[in-house]
Amino acid sequence: MDMIGLNVERMQELINTPMDPPPSWARRWQIEAEHVLHLAHNAKNDNDLDTLTMLDGEAKRLVKEREARGK
């Protein structure tokens, strides 16, 4: 069983990894990832494990999307 939040942590690393020059899709990805990160922090602070689990799944999708498109 994976720990909840590992995908959120990986997504945060990717948010902070610069792309030079940034591709056209990067802005949309960044905005969505930052939104998921914000919601995940709120869920963690509220001890809402169901929401955090769902958001970790969203983070996994975003990580896969970014890694598939290249860094």
Protein backbone atom coordinates (compact mmCIF):
# COMPACT_ATOMS: atom_id res chain seq x y z
CA MET A 1 0.00 0.00 0.00
CA ASP A 2 1.33 3.41 -0.97
CA MET A 3 1.47 6.22 1.53
CA ILE A 4 -1.03 8.98 0.94
CA GLY A 5 0.62 12.11 -0.36
CA LEU A 6 3.62 10.69 -2.20
CA ASN A 7 2.19 11.80 -5.53
CA VAL A 8 1.44 15.24 -4.11
CA GLU A 9 5.09 15.51 -3.01
CA ARG A 10 6.33 14.45 -6.46
CA MET A 11 3.96 16.94 -8.11
CA GLN A 12 5.32 19.72 -5.88
CA GLU A 13 8.86 18.84 -6.98
CA LEU A 14 7.76 19.12 -10.61
CA ILE A 15 6.05 22.46 -9.95
CA ASN A 16 9.41 23.77 -8.73
CA THR A 17 11.37 22.27 -11.64
CA PRO A 18 11.86 24.93 -14.31
CA MET A 19 11.29 24.26 -18.00
CA ASP A 20 13.38 26.46 -20.28
CA PRO A 21 11.81 27.44 -22.52
CA PRO A 22 8.39 26.53 -21.13
CA PRO A 23 6.20 24.66 -23.62
CA SER A 24 2.73 25.99 -24.47
CA TRP A 25 0.97 23.48 -22.20
CA ALA A 26 3.13 24.27 -19.13
CA ARG A 27 1.06 27.23 -17.86
CA ARG A 28 -2.18 25.23 -17.77
CA TRP A 29 -0.41 22.30 -16.08
CA GLN A 30 1.20 24.60 -13.50
CA ILE A 31 -2.11 26.26 -12.60
CA GLU A 32 -3.90 22.92 -12.19
CA ALA A 33 -1.04 21.42 -10.18
CA GLU A 34 -0.86 24.42 -7.85
CA HIS A 35 -4.62 24.21 -7.30
CA VAL A 36 -4.41 20.50 -6.42
CA LEU A 37 -1.46 21.24 -4.12
CA HIS A 38 -3.42 23.97 -2.32
CA LEU A 39 -6.42 21.69 -1.84
CA ALA A 40 -4.15 18.89 -0.60
CA HIS A 41 -2.61 21.17 2.02
CA ASN A 42 -6.10 22.16 3.18
CA ALA A 43 -7.19 18.50 3.34
CA LYS A 44 -4.07 17.62 5.33
CA ASN A 45 -4.68 20.49 7.75
CA ASP A 46 -8.31 19.37 8.14
CA ASN A 47 -7.25 15.73 8.58
CA ASP A 48 -9.58 14.83 5.69
CA LEU A 49 -8.03 11.57 4.49
CA ASP A 50 -10.73 10.82 1.93
CA THR A 51 -10.17 14.12 0.14
CA LEU A 52 -6.42 13.81 0.47
CA THR A 53 -6.55 10.33 -1.09
CA MET A 54 -8.60 11.68 -4.00
CA LEU A 55 -6.21 14.59 -4.48
CA ASP A 56 -3.22 12.25 -4.37
CA GLY A 57 -4.84 10.43 -7.30
CA GLU A 58 -5.19 13.73 -9.16
CA ALA A 59 -1.56 14.49 -8.41
CA LYS A 60 -0.58 11.10 -9.82
CA ARG A 61 -2.42 11.92 -13.05
CA LEU A 62 -0.69 15.30 -13.29
CA VAL A 63 2.74 13.76 -12.61
CA LYS A 64 2.18 11.18 -15.32
CA GLU A 65 1.03 13.91 -17.73
CA ARG A 66 4.10 16.06 -17.08
CA GLU A 67 6.49 13.13 -17.31
CA ALA A 68 4.89 11.90 -20.54
CA ARG A 69 5.25 15.33 -22.16
CA GLY A 70 8.82 15.72 -21.01
CA LYS A 71 10.54 17.92 -18.52
